[in-house]
Amino acid sequence: MQQTEEAQGTQAPRDRLLPNRITLQEIAEEIGGCERSARNLAEHLKVPFIKVVGTRLYDRAKLRAALLATETGQAPRRRGRPRRAA
């Protein structure tokens, strides 16, 4: 029982107040890109966020659902004429 209380005591204040919320920096780390790429992705997917002290916080489950909703079985088709092999 003491371990649970100790573990809760070490949580960041944001995690206690808003659990399951992640920042753009955390999204960028998970996708292997920069914060700008993470912001572009979140805006493209129209994932709702809350802004706390200038930091956007995204719900992890909603972000995951938005990503899975865009899943396709094939690569997107390119426009125009196919490139010739060099």
N, C-alpha and C. Protein backbone atom coordinates (compact mmCIF):
# COMPACT_ATOMS: atom_id res chain seq x y z
N MET A 1 0.82 -1.19 0.00
CA MET A 1 0.00 0.00 0.00
C MET A 1 0.87 1.25 0.00
N GLN A 2 2.00 1.20 0.68
CA GLN A 2 2.87 2.37 0.74
C GLN A 2 3.48 2.66 -0.61
N GLN A 3 3.75 1.63 -1.42
CA GLN A 3 4.32 1.84 -2.74
C GLN A 3 3.37 2.65 -3.61
N THR A 4 2.09 2.35 -3.52
CA THR A 4 1.10 3.08 -4.30
C THR A 4 1.08 4.55 -3.91
N GLU A 5 1.11 4.83 -2.64
CA GLU A 5 1.12 6.22 -2.18
C GLU A 5 2.41 6.92 -2.60
N GLU A 6 3.54 6.21 -2.53
CA GLU A 6 4.80 6.81 -2.94
C GLU A 6 4.80 7.08 -4.43
N ALA A 7 4.26 6.13 -5.21
CA ALA A 7 4.21 6.31 -6.66
C ALA A 7 3.34 7.51 -7.01
N GLN A 8 2.23 7.69 -6.33
CA GLN A 8 1.37 8.83 -6.61
C GLN A 8 2.04 10.12 -6.21
N GLY A 9 2.84 10.08 -5.18
CA GLY A 9 3.55 11.27 -4.74
C GLY A 9 4.61 11.72 -5.72
N THR A 10 5.13 10.81 -6.55
CA THR A 10 6.16 11.17 -7.51
C THR A 10 5.58 11.59 -8.86
N GLN A 11 4.28 11.49 -9.04
CA GLN A 11 3.67 11.92 -10.29
C GLN A 11 3.80 13.43 -10.46
N ALA A 12 3.91 13.84 -11.72
CA ALA A 12 3.91 15.27 -12.00
C ALA A 12 2.53 15.83 -11.68
N PRO A 13 2.46 17.09 -11.26
CA PRO A 13 1.15 17.68 -10.94
C PRO A 13 0.16 17.58 -12.11
N ARG A 14 0.66 17.71 -13.35
CA ARG A 14 -0.21 17.61 -14.52
C ARG A 14 -0.85 16.24 -14.61
N ASP A 15 -0.10 15.19 -14.28
CA ASP A 15 -0.64 13.83 -14.37
C ASP A 15 -1.73 13.57 -13.34
N ARG A 16 -1.62 14.22 -12.19
CA ARG A 16 -2.66 14.06 -11.17
C ARG A 16 -3.92 14.83 -11.55
N LEU A 17 -3.75 16.01 -12.10
CA LEU A 17 -4.89 16.87 -12.45
C LEU A 17 -5.54 16.43 -13.76
N LEU A 18 -4.73 16.16 -14.77
CA LEU A 18 -5.22 15.79 -16.10
C LEU A 18 -4.56 14.50 -16.56
N PRO A 19 -5.03 13.36 -16.08
CA PRO A 19 -4.40 12.10 -16.48
C PRO A 19 -4.66 11.80 -17.96
N ASN A 20 -3.77 11.07 -18.56
CA ASN A 20 -3.86 10.64 -19.96
C ASN A 20 -3.78 11.80 -20.95
N ARG A 21 -3.19 12.90 -20.54
CA ARG A 21 -2.97 14.03 -21.46
C ARG A 21 -1.49 14.09 -21.79
N ILE A 22 -1.16 14.32 -23.06
CA ILE A 22 0.24 14.41 -23.46
C ILE A 22 0.49 15.72 -24.21
N THR A 23 1.73 16.17 -24.16
CA THR A 23 2.12 17.41 -24.82
C THR A 23 2.60 17.12 -26.23
N LEU A 24 2.80 18.19 -27.00
CA LEU A 24 3.34 18.05 -28.35
C LEU A 24 4.73 17.42 -28.32
N GLN A 25 5.52 17.76 -27.31
CA GLN A 25 6.86 17.19 -27.20
C GLN A 25 6.79 15.67 -27.01
N GLU A 26 5.86 15.22 -26.19
CA GLU A 26 5.71 13.78 -25.97
C GLU A 26 5.19 13.07 -27.22
N ILE A 27 4.30 13.73 -27.96
CA ILE A 27 3.81 13.16 -29.22
C ILE A 27 4.98 13.05 -30.20
N ALA A 28 5.79 14.10 -30.28
CA ALA A 28 6.94 14.11 -31.19
C ALA A 28 7.91 12.98 -30.87
N GLU A 29 8.16 12.74 -29.60
CA GLU A 29 9.05 11.65 -29.20
C GLU A 29 8.49 10.30 -29.62
N GLU A 30 7.18 10.14 -29.50
CA GLU A 30 6.56 8.85 -29.85
C GLU A 30 6.54 8.60 -31.35
N ILE A 31 6.36 9.65 -32.16
CA ILE A 31 6.33 9.45 -33.61
C ILE A 31 7.71 9.58 -34.24
N GLY A 32 8.69 10.01 -33.45
CA GLY A 32 10.05 10.13 -33.96
C GLY A 32 10.25 11.36 -34.83
N GLY A 33 9.57 12.44 -34.51
CA GLY A 33 9.69 13.68 -35.26
C GLY A 33 9.91 14.86 -34.33
N CYS A 34 9.76 16.05 -34.89
CA CYS A 34 9.92 17.26 -34.10
C CYS A 34 8.55 17.75 -33.62
N GLU A 35 8.56 18.78 -32.78
CA GLU A 35 7.30 19.31 -32.24
C GLU A 35 6.42 19.88 -33.34
N ARG A 36 7.04 20.50 -34.34
CA ARG A 36 6.26 21.07 -35.44
C ARG A 36 5.52 19.97 -36.20
N SER A 37 6.19 18.85 -36.43
CA SER A 37 5.54 17.71 -37.10
C SER A 37 4.38 17.18 -36.27
N ALA A 38 4.57 17.13 -34.96
CA ALA A 38 3.51 16.67 -34.06
C ALA A 38 2.32 17.62 -34.11
N ARG A 39 2.59 18.93 -34.13
CA ARG A 39 1.51 19.91 -34.20
C ARG A 39 0.76 19.80 -35.53
N ASN A 40 1.51 19.65 -36.62
CA ASN A 40 0.88 19.49 -37.94
C ASN A 40 0.00 18.26 -37.98
N LEU A 41 0.49 17.16 -37.41
CA LEU A 41 -0.28 15.92 -37.38
C LEU A 41 -1.57 16.10 -36.59
N ALA A 42 -1.46 16.68 -35.41
CA ALA A 42 -2.64 16.88 -34.55
C ALA A 42 -3.65 17.82 -35.22
N GLU A 43 -3.17 18.87 -35.89
CA GLU A 43 -4.08 19.78 -36.58
C GLU A 43 -4.74 19.10 -37.77
N HIS A 44 -3.97 18.31 -38.51
CA HIS A 44 -4.52 17.59 -39.67
C HIS A 44 -5.61 16.61 -39.25
N LEU A 45 -5.39 15.94 -38.12
CA LEU A 45 -6.36 14.97 -37.62
C LEU A 45 -7.51 15.62 -36.86
N LYS A 46 -7.39 16.94 -36.62
CA LYS A 46 -8.41 17.69 -35.89
C LYS A 46 -8.67 17.11 -34.49
N VAL A 47 -7.59 16.81 -33.80
CA VAL A 47 -7.68 16.27 -32.44
C VAL A 47 -7.89 17.44 -31.48
N PRO A 48 -8.94 17.39 -30.65
CA PRO A 48 -9.18 18.49 -29.70
C PRO A 48 -8.09 18.52 -28.62
N PHE A 49 -7.83 19.72 -28.11
CA PHE A 49 -6.83 19.88 -27.07
C PHE A 49 -7.32 20.91 -26.07
N ILE A 50 -6.68 20.91 -24.91
CA ILE A 50 -6.90 21.99 -23.96
C ILE A 50 -5.56 22.70 -23.79
N LYS A 51 -5.64 23.98 -23.54
CA LYS A 51 -4.43 24.77 -23.40
C LYS A 51 -4.30 25.21 -21.95
N VAL A 52 -3.19 24.83 -21.34
CA VAL A 52 -2.93 25.17 -19.95
C VAL A 52 -1.58 25.88 -19.90
N VAL A 53 -1.59 27.12 -19.49
CA VAL A 53 -0.39 27.95 -19.36
C VAL A 53 0.43 27.89 -20.66
N GLY A 54 -0.25 28.02 -21.79
CA GLY A 54 0.43 28.07 -23.08
C GLY A 54 0.85 26.72 -23.64
N THR A 55 0.53 25.63 -22.97
CA THR A 55 0.91 24.30 -23.44
C THR A 55 -0.33 23.55 -23.87
N ARG A 56 -0.28 23.00 -25.09
CA ARG A 56 -1.40 22.21 -25.58
C ARG A 56 -1.31 20.80 -25.01
N LEU A 57 -2.42 20.34 -24.45
CA LEU A 57 -2.49 18.99 -23.89
C LEU A 57 -3.55 18.21 -24.66
N TYR A 58 -3.13 17.07 -25.21
CA TYR A 58 -4.00 16.23 -26.03
C TYR A 58 -4.36 14.97 -25.27
N ASP A 59 -5.58 14.50 -25.45
CA ASP A 59 -6.02 13.25 -24.85
C ASP A 59 -5.39 12.10 -25.66
N ARG A 60 -4.66 11.25 -24.97
CA ARG A 60 -3.94 10.15 -25.64
C ARG A 60 -4.91 9.23 -26.40
N ALA A 61 -6.06 8.92 -25.81
CA ALA A 61 -7.03 8.01 -26.44
C ALA A 61 -7.64 8.63 -27.70
N LYS A 62 -7.95 9.93 -27.66
CA LYS A 62 -8.53 10.59 -28.83
C LYS A 62 -7.52 10.70 -29.97
N LEU A 63 -6.26 10.95 -29.62
CA LEU A 63 -5.20 11.01 -30.64
C LEU A 63 -5.03 9.65 -31.29
N ARG A 64 -5.01 8.61 -30.48
CA ARG A 64 -4.87 7.25 -31.02
C ARG A 64 -6.06 6.88 -31.90
N ALA A 65 -7.28 7.23 -31.48
CA ALA A 65 -8.48 6.94 -32.27
C ALA A 65 -8.44 7.67 -33.61
N ALA A 66 -7.97 8.93 -33.59
CA ALA A 66 -7.88 9.70 -34.83
C ALA A 66 -6.86 9.10 -35.78
N LEU A 67 -5.75 8.62 -35.23
CA LEU A 67 -4.73 7.98 -36.07
C LEU A 67 -5.27 6.69 -36.68
N LEU A 68 -5.94 5.88 -35.89
CA LEU A 68 -6.47 4.61 -36.39
C LEU A 68 -7.59 4.83 -37.40
N ALA A 69 -8.32 5.92 -37.29
CA ALA A 69 -9.41 6.21 -38.23
C ALA A 69 -8.86 6.53 -39.62
N THR A 70 -7.61 6.97 -39.70
CA THR A 70 -7.02 7.31 -41.00
C THR A 70 -6.26 6.14 -41.62
N GLU A 71 -6.27 5.01 -40.92
CA GLU A 71 -5.52 3.83 -41.40
C GLU A 71 -6.10 3.33 -42.72
N THR A 72 -5.22 3.03 -43.66
CA THR A 72 -5.64 2.49 -44.95
C THR A 72 -4.84 1.23 -45.23
N GLY A 73 -5.30 0.45 -46.18
CA GLY A 73 -4.63 -0.79 -46.51
C GLY A 73 -3.56 -0.65 -47.57
N GLN A 74 -3.48 0.52 -48.21
CA GLN A 74 -2.50 0.68 -49.28
C GLN A 74 -1.89 2.07 -49.25
N ALA A 75 -0.79 2.21 -49.94
CA ALA A 75 -0.10 3.50 -50.00
C ALA A 75 -0.93 4.47 -50.84
N PRO A 76 -0.87 5.76 -50.52
CA PRO A 76 -1.64 6.72 -51.31
C PRO A 76 -1.15 6.76 -52.76
N ARG A 77 -2.08 6.95 -53.66
CA ARG A 77 -1.75 7.00 -55.08
C ARG A 77 -1.13 8.35 -55.41
N ARG A 78 -0.06 8.30 -56.17
CA ARG A 78 0.60 9.54 -56.58
C ARG A 78 -0.09 10.12 -57.80
N ARG A 79 -0.02 11.41 -57.89
CA ARG A 79 -0.64 12.09 -59.04
C ARG A 79 0.39 12.25 -60.15
N GLY A 80 -0.08 12.35 -61.34
CA GLY A 80 0.80 12.63 -62.47
C GLY A 80 1.45 11.39 -63.06
N ARG A 81 2.40 11.65 -63.88
CA ARG A 81 3.07 10.61 -64.63
C ARG A 81 4.09 9.88 -63.76
N PRO A 82 4.20 8.55 -63.91
CA PRO A 82 5.20 7.83 -63.11
C PRO A 82 6.62 8.23 -63.51
N ARG A 83 7.51 8.20 -62.55
CA ARG A 83 8.91 8.56 -62.82
C ARG A 83 9.62 7.42 -63.54
N ARG A 84 10.55 7.82 -64.40
CA ARG A 84 11.36 6.82 -65.09
C ARG A 84 12.54 6.44 -64.20
N ALA A 85 12.95 5.20 -64.30
CA ALA A 85 14.11 4.74 -63.55
C ALA A 85 15.36 5.40 -64.11
N ALA A 86 16.28 5.78 -63.27
CA ALA A 86 17.50 6.47 -63.72
C ALA A 86 18.52 5.53 -64.24
